[in-house]
Each structure stands twice: as structure tokens, then as C-alpha cells.
Amino acid sequence: MNKKQAIEIIKSGLFFSAEFIKKDGSVRTIYARSGVKKYLRPNAQPRTYNPGELGYATVYDLQEKDYRLINLQTITKINRKEIK
């Protein structure tokens, strides 16, 4: 899978799992979804940068129940998930 296909899956708004390498070098598997707006904090400060311009995607982590950034350059595996 190439980077373009991975971005399409992440931006689709569907549930997915991804394996990527974190900043500290460890491998992490995340179960997430992009486009989630329900849990935004009303008093949160806006970011001073655009994560997309830096090669990151903002997703909602379903296990941690919080937002995370994924480095698109370090994704090793990604799969769409069908929720029934």
C-alpha cells in the first residue's frame, strides 16, 4: 500500500486500524476514525500549525477515546474496518 492509498483510507471517515512507528521508535497499532467532531473541547485553543502540511493526520483513537496525530510517513500497515 502506498502513501496515497493510506491517506484515502484515513480521510474517508471510516473506521480503520493502522500500524505506525512512533517518534520514540516503537511500533503502535491504533484503531481510529477521522472526521470525528463530537468530542471536541469547546474551550480548546486552536493549533498554531496545520498538521496536514507537516505530514500528519488527526484521528480519533477509539481505544484511548481521544484525538491523536499519525505521521503519514511512518505508516507500515493500514486496514479499513467494517462495523456491523
Protein backbone atom coordinates (compact mmCIF):
# COMPACT_ATOMS: atom_id res chain seq x y z
CA MET A 1 0.00 0.00 0.00
CA ASN A 2 1.37 3.39 -0.90
CA LYS A 3 1.05 6.68 0.96
CA LYS A 4 -1.73 7.97 -1.31
CA GLN A 5 -3.92 4.92 -0.61
CA ALA A 6 -3.27 5.23 3.13
CA ILE A 7 -4.33 8.89 3.09
CA GLU A 8 -7.53 7.98 1.20
CA ILE A 9 -8.45 5.40 3.85
CA ILE A 10 -7.73 7.81 6.72
CA LYS A 11 -9.61 10.72 5.14
CA SER A 12 -12.61 8.55 4.19
CA GLY A 13 -14.13 8.90 7.66
CA LEU A 14 -14.46 5.13 8.01
CA PHE A 15 -13.10 3.10 10.90
CA PHE A 16 -9.59 1.77 10.31
CA SER A 17 -6.63 0.18 12.03
CA ALA A 18 -3.09 1.33 11.33
CA GLU A 19 0.34 0.29 12.43
CA PHE A 20 2.97 3.00 12.51
CA ILE A 21 6.30 3.90 14.07
CA LYS A 22 6.13 6.46 16.87
CA LYS A 23 8.68 9.23 17.45
CA ASP A 24 10.49 7.11 20.04
CA GLY A 25 10.92 4.27 17.52
CA SER A 26 8.34 1.91 18.98
CA VAL A 27 5.60 0.38 16.84
CA ARG A 28 1.98 1.16 17.68
CA THR A 29 -1.32 -0.14 16.40
CA ILE A 30 -4.21 2.29 16.52
CA TYR A 31 -7.92 1.74 15.93
CA ALA A 32 -9.30 5.07 14.81
CA ARG A 33 -11.57 7.19 12.68
CA SER A 34 -11.08 10.58 11.07
CA GLY A 35 -13.60 13.38 10.94
CA VAL A 36 -14.95 12.88 14.48
CA LYS A 37 -16.24 16.20 15.84
CA LYS A 38 -18.38 15.03 18.76
CA TYR A 39 -15.66 15.12 21.44
CA LEU A 40 -14.04 18.44 20.62
CA ARG A 41 -13.45 20.58 23.69
CA PRO A 42 -15.36 23.88 23.47
CA ASN A 43 -12.61 25.87 25.20
CA ALA A 44 -9.64 24.31 23.35
CA GLN A 45 -7.04 26.63 21.89
CA PRO A 46 -6.60 26.39 18.10
CA ARG A 47 -3.35 24.93 16.84
CA THR A 48 -0.67 27.34 15.70
CA TYR A 49 0.20 24.99 12.82
CA ASN A 50 -1.55 22.81 10.25
CA PRO A 51 -0.75 19.11 10.87
CA GLY A 52 -1.57 18.24 7.25
CA GLU A 53 1.19 20.49 5.98
CA LEU A 54 3.67 18.66 8.22
CA GLY A 55 2.62 15.18 7.06
CA TYR A 56 0.34 14.29 9.96
CA ALA A 57 -3.31 13.24 10.10
CA THR A 58 -5.59 13.96 13.05
CA VAL A 59 -7.70 10.95 14.03
CA TYR A 60 -9.90 9.91 16.93
CA ASP A 61 -8.38 6.94 18.81
CA LEU A 62 -11.19 4.53 19.70
CA GLN A 63 -9.22 2.81 22.48
CA GLU A 64 -7.93 5.92 24.24
CA LYS A 65 -11.08 7.93 23.45
CA ASP A 66 -9.03 10.98 22.48
CA TYR A 67 -7.56 12.65 19.41
CA ARG A 68 -4.14 11.61 18.11
CA LEU A 69 -1.79 12.62 15.30
CA ILE A 70 -0.43 9.95 12.97
CA ASN A 71 2.73 10.58 10.96
CA LEU A 72 1.75 9.54 7.44
CA GLN A 73 5.40 8.86 6.54
CA THR A 74 5.77 6.09 9.14
CA ILE A 75 2.63 4.01 8.46
CA THR A 76 3.59 0.38 7.86
CA LYS A 77 0.10 -1.20 7.65
CA ILE A 78 -3.44 0.09 7.34
CA ASN A 79 -6.81 -1.68 7.04
CA ARG A 80 -10.37 -0.49 6.75
CA LYS A 81 -12.73 -1.88 9.33
CA GLU A 82 -16.30 -2.85 8.70
CA ILE A 83 -18.50 -2.12 11.72
CA LYS A 84 -21.66 -4.21 11.80
